[in-house]
C-alpha atoms as a PDB file:
ATOM      1  CA  MET A   1      13.771 -24.588 -26.873  1.00  0.00           C
ATOM      2  CA  THR A   2      16.520 -26.325 -24.750  1.00  0.00           C
ATOM      3  CA  TRP A   3      15.599 -26.936 -21.154  1.00  0.00           C
ATOM      4  CA  ASP A   4      17.836 -24.050 -19.481  1.00  0.00           C
ATOM      5  CA  ALA A   5      15.704 -21.860 -21.848  1.00  0.00           C
ATOM      6  CA  TRP A   6      12.174 -23.441 -20.105  1.00  0.00           C
ATOM      7  CA  VAL A   7      14.088 -22.949 -16.795  1.00  0.00           C
ATOM      8  CA  LEU A   8      14.741 -19.426 -17.366  1.00  0.00           C
ATOM      9  CA  THR A   9      11.068 -18.526 -19.027  1.00  0.00           C
ATOM     10  CA  LEU A  10       9.747 -20.413 -15.990  1.00  0.00           C
ATOM     11  CA  LEU A  11      11.485 -18.107 -13.005  1.00  0.00           C
ATOM     12  CA  ILE A  12      10.624 -14.982 -15.198  1.00  0.00           C
ATOM     13  CA  SER A  13       7.141 -15.889 -15.327  1.00  0.00           C
ATOM     14  CA  VAL A  14       7.002 -16.675 -11.589  1.00  0.00           C
ATOM     15  CA  THR A  15       8.922 -13.614 -10.506  1.00  0.00           C
ATOM     16  CA  LEU A  16       6.554 -11.589 -12.604  1.00  0.00           C
ATOM     17  CA  ILE A  17       3.344 -13.262 -10.929  1.00  0.00           C
ATOM     18  CA  ILE A  18       4.896 -12.735  -7.619  1.00  0.00           C
ATOM     19  CA  VAL A  19       5.533  -8.647  -8.293  1.00  0.00           C
ATOM     20  CA  VAL A  20       2.189  -8.084  -9.728  1.00  0.00           C
ATOM     21  CA  GLY A  21       0.729  -9.740  -7.056  1.00  0.00           C
ATOM     22  CA  VAL A  22       2.605  -7.751  -4.406  1.00  0.00           C
ATOM     23  CA  LEU A  23       1.668  -4.662  -5.931  1.00  0.00           C
ATOM     24  CA  ILE A  24      -2.357  -5.689  -6.265  1.00  0.00           C
ATOM     25  CA  GLU A  25      -1.965  -6.536  -2.587  1.00  0.00           C
ATOM     26  CA  ASP A  26      -0.187  -2.866  -1.945  1.00  0.00           C
ATOM     27  CA  ILE A  27      -2.976  -1.105  -4.096  1.00  0.00           C
ATOM     28  CA  SER A  28      -5.994  -2.711  -2.392  1.00  0.00           C
ATOM     29  CA  GLY A  29      -4.469  -2.315   1.048  1.00  0.00           C
ATOM     30  CA  VAL A  30      -4.271   1.379   0.770  1.00  0.00           C
ATOM     31  CA  ALA A  31      -7.791   1.680  -0.930  1.00  0.00           C
ATOM     32  CA  ASP A  32      -8.998  -0.261   1.650  1.00  0.00           C
ATOM     33  CA  TYR A  33      -7.596   2.011   4.434  1.00  0.00           C
ATOM     34  CA  GLU A  34      -8.140   5.279   2.505  1.00  0.00           C
ATOM     35  CA  LYS A  35     -11.861   4.269   2.597  1.00  0.00           C
ATOM     36  CA  ARG A  36     -11.911   3.061   6.217  1.00  0.00           C
ATOM     37  CA  LEU A  37     -10.550   6.978   6.692  1.00  0.00           C
ATOM     38  CA  ARG A  38     -13.488   8.431   4.542  1.00  0.00           C
ATOM     39  CA  ASP A  39     -15.850   6.108   6.552  1.00  0.00           C
ATOM     40  CA  ASP A  40     -14.264   7.219  10.286  1.00  0.00           C
ATOM     41  CA  ASP A  41     -15.268  10.140  12.042  1.00  0.00           C
ATOM     42  CA  ASP A  42     -11.565  11.337  12.307  1.00  0.00           C
ATOM     43  CA  THR A  43     -11.355  11.604  15.701  1.00  0.00           C
ATOM     44  CA  HIS A  44      -9.004   8.346  16.783  1.00  0.00           C
ATOM     45  CA  LEU A  45      -7.039   8.386  13.804  1.00  0.00           C
ATOM     46  CA  VAL A  46      -3.920   5.567  14.640  1.00  0.00           C
ATOM     47  CA  SER A  47      -0.474   5.599  12.790  1.00  0.00           C
ATOM     48  CA  ILE A  48      -0.346   2.531  10.400  1.00  0.00           C
ATOM     49  CA  ARG A  49       2.984   1.503   8.846  1.00  0.00           C
ATOM     50  CA  VAL A  50       3.037   0.999   5.288  1.00  0.00           C
ATOM     51  CA  ARG A  51       5.157  -1.007   3.873  1.00  0.00           C
ATOM     52  CA  GLY A  52       8.650   0.415   2.357  1.00  0.00           C
ATOM     53  CA  ARG A  53       6.612   4.067   3.256  1.00  0.00           C
ATOM     54  CA  GLU A  54       6.360   6.870   5.697  1.00  0.00           C
ATOM     55  CA  SER A  55       3.402   6.263   8.342  1.00  0.00           C
ATOM     56  CA  LEU A  56       0.082   7.606   6.886  1.00  0.00           C
ATOM     57  CA  GLU A  57      -0.260   9.479   9.933  1.00  0.00           C
ATOM     58  CA  HIS A  58       2.780  11.698   8.876  1.00  0.00           C
ATOM     59  CA  GLN A  59       1.452  12.080   5.204  1.00  0.00           C
ATOM     60  CA  LEU A  60      -1.915  13.107   6.512  1.00  0.00           C
ATOM     61  CA  ALA A  61      -0.237  15.546   9.212  1.00  0.00           C
ATOM     62  CA  ALA A  62       1.694  16.952   6.160  1.00  0.00           C
ATOM     63  CA  THR A  63      -1.240  17.665   4.178  1.00  0.00           C
ATOM     64  CA  GLY A  64      -3.477  19.023   6.857  1.00  0.00           C
ATOM     65  CA  HIS A  65      -5.637  16.158   7.271  1.00  0.00           C
ATOM     66  CA  GLY A  66      -4.137  14.356  10.400  1.00  0.00           C
ATOM     67  CA  ARG A  67      -5.271  14.515  14.214  1.00  0.00           C
ATOM     68  CA  HIS A  68      -4.034  17.947  15.033  1.00  0.00           C
ATOM     69  CA  ARG A  69      -6.072  19.688  12.247  1.00  0.00           C
ATOM     70  CA  ARG A  70      -7.545  22.973  12.760  1.00  0.00           C
ATOM     71  CA  SER A  71     -11.474  22.611  13.432  1.00  0.00           C
ATOM     72  CA  SER A  72     -13.211  25.294  11.205  1.00  0.00           C
END
């Protein structure tokens, strides 16, 4: 392989490592937040911005699990 093929291979490898690392960080962050929600008593739900997504509070309100949910 020539030096430019090695550089291209290195660039692709580094890019893939970064992408996989960001995906793993996002997945684990959402899982941690969902676990905290399950452990919380749901009385003081706060709005947390997830990168590039709507706020979790808005998503929960849309599914009926938010702060203003009807008591049963």
